[in-house]
Amino acid sequence: TDTTYTITTTLGTAPTYSRTAPNTSGNSIYVKQVYAGSNTSVTLEQDGNNNAITGTDSGWATVDGNNSVISVKQFGTGNITGLKMNAWGNNIDIRQRTAAGGDVSNNIFNFESAGNGNSLVGKQETNTNTASVKLTWDINSVTLTQKGGTGNTSYITVNGYWNTVTNTQNGSDNFSLVNIAGDNNTATVNQTGNGHSTFLNLIGNKNTVSVTQTGTGDTYSLQQTCTNPAGCSVSVVRNK
């Protein structure tokens, strides 16, 4: 039977994603970890279109435990991944791409993590893809790349201290939103091509932002809320 799984992000303006799985054209992998042990290794791979990696009940694939390695690869168009974890010291790799060149479009991945010292590498290729990432706690890193397309969107929310975010988009008409709450965080946004837009919202103190936009028709916006009664220090570098 068809079952609808809804993955709801908590990113404010980020959209809500719904997915019906299984369906006539795609496969589904359901992941639910019952015992949150350490040093877990999970590898998930799907080849084709309209596939999903979700959970059996909450709509999220859940992998908990410290010092774990999670690898997700989806090759094709219209795929979705929703992964959530609450643990420390994990390495997560999520890739949505084509196996042998050609166009890939309309892929979605959502990732949420609560813990310290986690590292996420996310990659999407070509057009109209959406990536949504939320990190809570400290000393986490995100490297998110949307490569070689148009109309891609990325939403990154960080709540904690000493976190590092790098968001790279190339192509045209892509959008990047970075929300940071906390102190001593670093965000780097690189957009090459034309017609890109970036919005950065900083809440806290001693946060650093670097923006690179190389094309024509690019727009950039920074909003800051200071939480330090003695005053905030924010460093912004924009290269164009």
C-alpha atoms as a PDB file:
ATOM      1  CA  THR A   1       0.000   0.000   0.000  1.00  0.00           C
ATOM      2  CA  ASP A   2       1.022   3.566  -0.594  1.00  0.00           C
ATOM      3  CA  THR A   3       1.978   5.438   2.561  1.00  0.00           C
ATOM      4  CA  THR A   4       2.623   9.149   2.772  1.00  0.00           C
ATOM      5  CA  TYR A   5       5.662  10.286   4.762  1.00  0.00           C
ATOM      6  CA  THR A   6       5.972  13.968   5.542  1.00  0.00           C
ATOM      7  CA  ILE A   7       9.328  15.503   6.390  1.00  0.00           C
ATOM      8  CA  THR A   8       8.801  18.885   8.031  1.00  0.00           C
ATOM      9  CA  THR A   9      11.815  21.144   8.390  1.00  0.00           C
ATOM     10  CA  THR A  10      12.172  23.665  11.197  1.00  0.00           C
ATOM     11  CA  LEU A  11      13.954  26.318   9.183  1.00  0.00           C
ATOM     12  CA  GLY A  12      11.376  29.065   9.082  1.00  0.00           C
ATOM     13  CA  THR A  13      11.100  29.884   5.386  1.00  0.00           C
ATOM     14  CA  ALA A  14      12.280  26.486   4.198  1.00  0.00           C
ATOM     15  CA  PRO A  15       9.497  24.499   2.545  1.00  0.00           C
ATOM     16  CA  THR A  16       7.765  21.421   3.874  1.00  0.00           C
ATOM     17  CA  TYR A  17       8.404  18.281   1.887  1.00  0.00           C
ATOM     18  CA  SER A  18       5.978  15.419   1.381  1.00  0.00           C
ATOM     19  CA  ARG A  19       6.715  12.113  -0.210  1.00  0.00           C
ATOM     20  CA  THR A  20       4.438   9.219  -1.160  1.00  0.00           C
ATOM     21  CA  ALA A  21       6.334   5.938  -1.032  1.00  0.00           C
ATOM     22  CA  PRO A  22       6.395   3.326  -2.333  1.00  0.00           C
ATOM     23  CA  ASN A  23       4.971   4.287  -5.709  1.00  0.00           C
ATOM     24  CA  THR A  24       4.860   2.865  -9.205  1.00  0.00           C
ATOM     25  CA  SER A  25       8.118   4.419 -10.326  1.00  0.00           C
ATOM     26  CA  GLY A  26      10.362   4.477  -7.266  1.00  0.00           C
ATOM     27  CA  ASN A  27      11.757   2.413  -4.439  1.00  0.00           C
ATOM     28  CA  SER A  28      11.929   3.236  -0.743  1.00  0.00           C
ATOM     29  CA  ILE A  29      14.378   2.419   2.011  1.00  0.00           C
ATOM     30  CA  TYR A  30      13.062   2.750   5.551  1.00  0.00           C
ATOM     31  CA  VAL A  31      15.628   3.216   8.310  1.00  0.00           C
ATOM     32  CA  LYS A  32      14.933   3.159  12.031  1.00  0.00           C
ATOM     33  CA  GLN A  33      17.677   2.475  14.572  1.00  0.00           C
ATOM     34  CA  VAL A  34      16.351   0.950  17.780  1.00  0.00           C
ATOM     35  CA  TYR A  35      19.598   0.744  19.766  1.00  0.00           C
ATOM     36  CA  ALA A  36      21.844   3.797  19.604  1.00  0.00           C
ATOM     37  CA  GLY A  37      25.248   2.179  19.894  1.00  0.00           C
ATOM     38  CA  SER A  38      28.584   3.691  18.866  1.00  0.00           C
ATOM     39  CA  ASN A  39      30.751   3.153  15.785  1.00  0.00           C
ATOM     40  CA  THR A  40      27.812   2.330  13.528  1.00  0.00           C
ATOM     41  CA  SER A  41      28.355   2.136   9.764  1.00  0.00           C
ATOM     42  CA  VAL A  42      25.377   2.642   7.433  1.00  0.00           C
ATOM     43  CA  THR A  43      25.614   2.701   3.621  1.00  0.00           C
ATOM     44  CA  LEU A  44      22.493   3.398   1.544  1.00  0.00           C
ATOM     45  CA  GLU A  45      22.472   3.512  -2.258  1.00  0.00           C
ATOM     46  CA  GLN A  46      19.656   3.886  -4.792  1.00  0.00           C
ATOM     47  CA  ASP A  47      19.932   4.023  -8.573  1.00  0.00           C
ATOM     48  CA  GLY A  48      16.991   5.391 -10.550  1.00  0.00           C
ATOM     49  CA  ASN A  49      14.242   7.988 -10.271  1.00  0.00           C
ATOM     50  CA  ASN A  50      11.665   8.959  -7.623  1.00  0.00           C
ATOM     51  CA  ASN A  51      13.295   6.935  -4.859  1.00  0.00           C
ATOM     52  CA  ALA A  52      13.124   7.737  -1.141  1.00  0.00           C
ATOM     53  CA  ILE A  53      15.125   7.150   2.021  1.00  0.00           C
ATOM     54  CA  THR A  54      12.860   7.829   5.010  1.00  0.00           C
ATOM     55  CA  GLY A  55      11.793   6.382   8.343  1.00  0.00           C
ATOM     56  CA  THR A  56       9.010   3.943   9.081  1.00  0.00           C
ATOM     57  CA  ASP A  57       7.039   6.127  11.468  1.00  0.00           C
ATOM     58  CA  SER A  58       8.252   9.699  11.947  1.00  0.00           C
ATOM     59  CA  GLY A  59       9.057  10.322   8.303  1.00  0.00           C
ATOM     60  CA  TRP A  60      12.771  10.611   9.058  1.00  0.00           C
ATOM     61  CA  ALA A  61      15.415   7.955   8.646  1.00  0.00           C
ATOM     62  CA  THR A  62      16.991   7.802  12.116  1.00  0.00           C
ATOM     63  CA  VAL A  63      20.591   6.812  12.829  1.00  0.00           C
ATOM     64  CA  ASP A  64      21.883   7.576  16.324  1.00  0.00           C
ATOM     65  CA  GLY A  65      25.116   6.734  18.090  1.00  0.00           C
ATOM     66  CA  ASN A  66      28.519   8.361  18.438  1.00  0.00           C
ATOM     67  CA  ASN A  67      31.445   8.055  16.013  1.00  0.00           C
ATOM     68  CA  SER A  68      29.283   6.634  13.250  1.00  0.00           C
ATOM     69  CA  VAL A  69      29.765   6.772   9.475  1.00  0.00           C
ATOM     70  CA  ILE A  70      26.696   7.272   7.258  1.00  0.00           C
ATOM     71  CA  SER A  71      26.906   7.259   3.463  1.00  0.00           C
ATOM     72  CA  VAL A  72      23.885   8.007   1.250  1.00  0.00           C
ATOM     73  CA  LYS A  73      24.037   7.939  -2.551  1.00  0.00           C
ATOM     74  CA  GLN A  74      21.105   8.449  -4.889  1.00  0.00           C
ATOM     75  CA  PHE A  75      21.622   8.403  -8.647  1.00  0.00           C
ATOM     76  CA  GLY A  76      18.825   9.878 -10.733  1.00  0.00           C
ATOM     77  CA  THR A  77      15.968  12.398 -10.689  1.00  0.00           C
ATOM     78  CA  GLY A  78      13.240  13.177  -8.180  1.00  0.00           C
ATOM     79  CA  ASN A  79      14.833  11.405  -5.216  1.00  0.00           C
ATOM     80  CA  ILE A  80      14.457  12.379  -1.569  1.00  0.00           C
ATOM     81  CA  THR A  81      16.425  11.693   1.602  1.00  0.00           C
ATOM     82  CA  GLY A  82      15.344  12.650   5.119  1.00  0.00           C
ATOM     83  CA  LEU A  83      17.953  11.782   7.769  1.00  0.00           C
ATOM     84  CA  LYS A  84      17.993  12.744  11.439  1.00  0.00           C
ATOM     85  CA  MET A  85      20.495  11.882  14.156  1.00  0.00           C
ATOM     86  CA  ASN A  86      21.283  12.845  17.750  1.00  0.00           C
ATOM     87  CA  ALA A  87      24.877  11.953  18.519  1.00  0.00           C
ATOM     88  CA  TRP A  88      28.485  13.124  18.539  1.00  0.00           C
ATOM     89  CA  GLY A  89      31.503  12.719  16.306  1.00  0.00           C
ATOM     90  CA  ASN A  90      29.750  11.397  13.219  1.00  0.00           C
ATOM     91  CA  ASN A  91      30.708  11.626   9.544  1.00  0.00           C
ATOM     92  CA  ILE A  92      27.807  11.936   7.113  1.00  0.00           C
ATOM     93  CA  ASP A  93      28.087  11.909   3.320  1.00  0.00           C
ATOM     94  CA  ILE A  94      24.957  12.554   1.212  1.00  0.00           C
ATOM     95  CA  ARG A  95      25.218  12.667  -2.594  1.00  0.00           C
ATOM     96  CA  GLN A  96      22.464  13.031  -5.178  1.00  0.00           C
ATOM     97  CA  ARG A  97      23.856  12.810  -8.684  1.00  0.00           C
ATOM     98  CA  THR A  98      23.938  10.891 -11.933  1.00  0.00           C
ATOM     99  CA  ALA A  99      26.107   7.832 -12.349  1.00  0.00           C
ATOM    100  CA  ALA A 100      27.248   8.520 -15.916  1.00  0.00           C
ATOM    101  CA  GLY A 101      26.722  12.200 -16.756  1.00  0.00           C
ATOM    102  CA  GLY A 102      23.559  13.835 -18.028  1.00  0.00           C
ATOM    103  CA  ASP A 103      20.878  15.873 -16.327  1.00  0.00           C
ATOM    104  CA  VAL A 104      19.789  15.346 -12.727  1.00  0.00           C
ATOM    105  CA  SER A 105      16.985  17.429 -11.258  1.00  0.00           C
ATOM    106  CA  ASN A 106      14.374  17.805  -8.541  1.00  0.00           C
ATOM    107  CA  ASN A 107      16.278  15.947  -5.832  1.00  0.00           C
ATOM    108  CA  ILE A 108      15.773  16.806  -2.160  1.00  0.00           C
ATOM    109  CA  PHE A 109      17.687  16.021   0.969  1.00  0.00           C
ATOM    110  CA  ASN A 110      16.937  17.053   4.541  1.00  0.00           C
ATOM    111  CA  PHE A 111      19.401  16.521   7.358  1.00  0.00           C
ATOM    112  CA  GLU A 112      19.021  17.390  11.040  1.00  0.00           C
ATOM    113  CA  SER A 113      21.609  16.728  13.739  1.00  0.00           C
ATOM    114  CA  ALA A 114      21.782  17.445  17.472  1.00  0.00           C
ATOM    115  CA  GLY A 115      25.250  16.853  18.884  1.00  0.00           C
ATOM    116  CA  ASN A 116      28.863  18.001  18.888  1.00  0.00           C
ATOM    117  CA  GLY A 117      31.652  17.332  16.441  1.00  0.00           C
ATOM    118  CA  ASN A 118      29.553  16.103  13.518  1.00  0.00           C
ATOM    119  CA  SER A 119      30.684  16.541   9.912  1.00  0.00           C
ATOM    120  CA  LEU A 120      28.316  16.619   6.920  1.00  0.00           C
ATOM    121  CA  VAL A 121      29.362  16.622   3.271  1.00  0.00           C
ATOM    122  CA  GLY A 122      26.407  17.070   0.907  1.00  0.00           C
ATOM    123  CA  LYS A 123      26.487  17.241  -2.895  1.00  0.00           C
ATOM    124  CA  GLN A 124      23.783  17.732  -5.511  1.00  0.00           C
ATOM    125  CA  GLU A 125      24.222  18.010  -9.268  1.00  0.00           C
ATOM    126  CA  THR A 126      22.468  20.125 -11.927  1.00  0.00           C
ATOM    127  CA  ASN A 127      18.986  21.647 -11.679  1.00  0.00           C
ATOM    128  CA  THR A 128      16.197  22.561  -9.242  1.00  0.00           C
ATOM    129  CA  ASN A 129      17.546  20.603  -6.304  1.00  0.00           C
ATOM    130  CA  THR A 130      16.846  21.500  -2.677  1.00  0.00           C
ATOM    131  CA  ALA A 131      19.027  20.867   0.365  1.00  0.00           C
ATOM    132  CA  SER A 132      17.929  21.599   3.914  1.00  0.00           C
ATOM    133  CA  VAL A 133      20.363  21.246   6.850  1.00  0.00           C
ATOM    134  CA  LYS A 134      19.882  21.978  10.546  1.00  0.00           C
ATOM    135  CA  LEU A 135      22.660  21.603  13.150  1.00  0.00           C
ATOM    136  CA  THR A 136      22.258  22.034  16.899  1.00  0.00           C
ATOM    137  CA  TRP A 137      25.154  22.192  19.388  1.00  0.00           C
ATOM    138  CA  ASP A 138      28.818  22.890  18.853  1.00  0.00           C
ATOM    139  CA  ILE A 139      31.936  22.354  16.710  1.00  0.00           C
ATOM    140  CA  ASN A 140      30.027  20.902  13.754  1.00  0.00           C
ATOM    141  CA  SER A 141      30.920  21.378  10.101  1.00  0.00           C
ATOM    142  CA  VAL A 142      28.827  21.467   6.926  1.00  0.00           C
ATOM    143  CA  THR A 143      30.164  21.422   3.374  1.00  0.00           C
ATOM    144  CA  LEU A 144      27.252  21.696   0.956  1.00  0.00           C
ATOM    145  CA  THR A 145      27.788  21.858  -2.821  1.00  0.00           C
ATOM    146  CA  GLN A 146      25.194  22.309  -5.552  1.00  0.00           C
ATOM    147  CA  LYS A 147      27.032  21.957  -8.809  1.00  0.00           C
ATOM    148  CA  GLY A 148      26.472  22.857 -12.423  1.00  0.00           C
ATOM    149  CA  GLY A 149      22.815  23.804 -12.562  1.00  0.00           C
ATOM    150  CA  THR A 150      20.069  26.376 -12.247  1.00  0.00           C
ATOM    151  CA  GLY A 151      17.325  26.995  -9.711  1.00  0.00           C
ATOM    152  CA  ASN A 152      18.961  25.179  -6.799  1.00  0.00           C
ATOM    153  CA  THR A 153      18.128  26.195  -3.230  1.00  0.00           C
ATOM    154  CA  SER A 154      19.902  25.545   0.042  1.00  0.00           C
ATOM    155  CA  TYR A 155      18.735  26.225   3.604  1.00  0.00           C
ATOM    156  CA  ILE A 156      21.261  25.920   6.427  1.00  0.00           C
ATOM    157  CA  THR A 157      20.432  26.593  10.086  1.00  0.00           C
ATOM    158  CA  VAL A 158      23.071  26.399  12.828  1.00  0.00           C
ATOM    159  CA  ASN A 159      22.369  26.836  16.538  1.00  0.00           C
ATOM    160  CA  GLY A 160      25.496  26.587  18.677  1.00  0.00           C
ATOM    161  CA  TYR A 161      29.127  27.620  18.957  1.00  0.00           C
ATOM    162  CA  TRP A 162      32.269  27.223  16.848  1.00  0.00           C
ATOM    163  CA  ASN A 163      30.408  25.734  13.887  1.00  0.00           C
ATOM    164  CA  THR A 164      31.672  26.002  10.299  1.00  0.00           C
ATOM    165  CA  VAL A 165      29.486  26.195   7.188  1.00  0.00           C
ATOM    166  CA  THR A 166      30.659  26.224   3.571  1.00  0.00           C
ATOM    167  CA  ASN A 167      27.999  26.507   0.866  1.00  0.00           C
ATOM    168  CA  THR A 168      29.056  26.422  -2.796  1.00  0.00           C
ATOM    169  CA  GLN A 169      26.730  26.905  -5.757  1.00  0.00           C
ATOM    170  CA  ASN A 170      27.567  27.314  -9.424  1.00  0.00           C
ATOM    171  CA  GLY A 171      25.373  27.723 -12.465  1.00  0.00           C
ATOM    172  CA  SER A 172      22.616  30.333 -12.460  1.00  0.00           C
ATOM    173  CA  ASP A 173      19.650  31.578 -10.420  1.00  0.00           C
ATOM    174  CA  ASN A 174      20.520  29.659  -7.261  1.00  0.00           C
ATOM    175  CA  PHE A 175      19.508  30.695  -3.728  1.00  0.00           C
ATOM    176  CA  SER A 176      21.350  30.232  -0.423  1.00  0.00           C
ATOM    177  CA  LEU A 177      19.952  30.943   3.047  1.00  0.00           C
ATOM    178  CA  VAL A 178      22.164  30.672   6.144  1.00  0.00           C
ATOM    179  CA  ASN A 179      20.747  31.197   9.652  1.00  0.00           C
ATOM    180  CA  ILE A 180      23.247  31.167  12.530  1.00  0.00           C
ATOM    181  CA  ALA A 181      22.411  31.522  16.227  1.00  0.00           C
ATOM    182  CA  GLY A 182      25.339  31.436  18.642  1.00  0.00           C
ATOM    183  CA  ASP A 183      28.901  32.727  18.899  1.00  0.00           C
ATOM    184  CA  ASN A 184      32.168  32.208  17.026  1.00  0.00           C
ATOM    185  CA  ASN A 185      30.563  30.567  14.006  1.00  0.00           C
ATOM    186  CA  THR A 186      31.942  30.827  10.473  1.00  0.00           C
ATOM    187  CA  ALA A 187      29.919  30.835   7.242  1.00  0.00           C
ATOM    188  CA  THR A 188      31.365  30.872   3.725  1.00  0.00           C
ATOM    189  CA  VAL A 189      29.137  31.193   0.655  1.00  0.00           C
ATOM    190  CA  ASN A 190      30.613  30.826  -2.835  1.00  0.00           C
ATOM    191  CA  GLN A 191      28.361  31.465  -5.841  1.00  0.00           C
ATOM    192  CA  THR A 192      29.802  31.410  -9.353  1.00  0.00           C
ATOM    193  CA  GLY A 193      27.628  32.170 -12.356  1.00  0.00           C
ATOM    194  CA  ASN A 194      24.779  34.628 -12.733  1.00  0.00           C
ATOM    195  CA  GLY A 195      21.570  35.625 -10.983  1.00  0.00           C
ATOM    196  CA  HIS A 196      22.317  34.132  -7.567  1.00  0.00           C
ATOM    197  CA  SER A 197      20.972  35.417  -4.266  1.00  0.00           C
ATOM    198  CA  THR A 198      22.211  34.968  -0.717  1.00  0.00           C
ATOM    199  CA  PHE A 199      20.618  35.820   2.623  1.00  0.00           C
ATOM    200  CA  LEU A 200      22.565  35.492   5.880  1.00  0.00           C
ATOM    201  CA  ASN A 201      20.979  35.979   9.293  1.00  0.00           C
ATOM    202  CA  LEU A 202      23.350  36.111  12.293  1.00  0.00           C
ATOM    203  CA  ILE A 203      22.180  36.053  15.913  1.00  0.00           C
ATOM    204  CA  GLY A 204      25.007  36.140  18.430  1.00  0.00           C
ATOM    205  CA  ASN A 205      28.524  37.505  18.712  1.00  0.00           C
ATOM    206  CA  LYS A 206      31.874  37.138  16.951  1.00  0.00           C
ATOM    207  CA  ASN A 207      30.490  35.414  13.883  1.00  0.00           C
ATOM    208  CA  THR A 208      32.369  35.597  10.589  1.00  0.00           C
ATOM    209  CA  VAL A 209      30.853  35.592   7.100  1.00  0.00           C
ATOM    210  CA  SER A 210      32.603  35.460   3.734  1.00  0.00           C
ATOM    211  CA  VAL A 211      30.638  35.777   0.491  1.00  0.00           C
ATOM    212  CA  THR A 212      31.971  35.330  -3.038  1.00  0.00           C
ATOM    213  CA  GLN A 213      29.738  36.156  -6.010  1.00  0.00           C
ATOM    214  CA  THR A 214      31.384  36.329  -9.419  1.00  0.00           C
ATOM    215  CA  GLY A 215      28.572  36.811 -11.929  1.00  0.00           C
ATOM    216  CA  THR A 216      26.062  39.448 -12.950  1.00  0.00           C
ATOM    217  CA  GLY A 217      22.684  40.000 -11.355  1.00  0.00           C
ATOM    218  CA  ASP A 218      23.741  38.565  -7.984  1.00  0.00           C
ATOM    219  CA  THR A 219      22.199  39.862  -4.749  1.00  0.00           C
ATOM    220  CA  TYR A 220      23.433  39.682  -1.184  1.00  0.00           C
ATOM    221  CA  SER A 221      21.831  40.492   2.183  1.00  0.00           C
ATOM    222  CA  LEU A 222      23.111  40.309   5.768  1.00  0.00           C
ATOM    223  CA  GLN A 223      21.009  40.682   8.905  1.00  0.00           C
ATOM    224  CA  GLN A 224      22.522  40.670  12.395  1.00  0.00           C
ATOM    225  CA  THR A 225      21.038  40.571  15.906  1.00  0.00           C
ATOM    226  CA  CYS A 226      23.501  41.232  18.717  1.00  0.00           C
ATOM    227  CA  THR A 227      23.179  39.168  21.907  1.00  0.00           C
ATOM    228  CA  ASN A 228      26.194  40.696  23.692  1.00  0.00           C
ATOM    229  CA  PRO A 229      25.328  43.681  25.935  1.00  0.00           C
ATOM    230  CA  ALA A 230      28.847  45.031  25.388  1.00  0.00           C
ATOM    231  CA  GLY A 231      28.392  44.990  21.626  1.00  0.00           C
ATOM    232  CA  CYS A 232      28.972  42.525  18.813  1.00  0.00           C
ATOM    233  CA  SER A 233      31.878  41.932  16.534  1.00  0.00           C
ATOM    234  CA  VAL A 234      31.026  40.660  13.073  1.00  0.00           C
ATOM    235  CA  SER A 235      33.430  40.303  10.175  1.00  0.00           C
ATOM    236  CA  VAL A 236      32.004  40.221   6.647  1.00  0.00           C
ATOM    237  CA  VAL A 237      34.097  39.765   3.523  1.00  0.00           C
ATOM    238  CA  ARG A 238      32.487  39.907   0.075  1.00  0.00           C
ATOM    239  CA  ASN A 239      34.659  39.297  -2.975  1.00  0.00           C
ATOM    240  CA  LYS A 240      33.228  40.013  -6.409  1.00  0.00           C
END
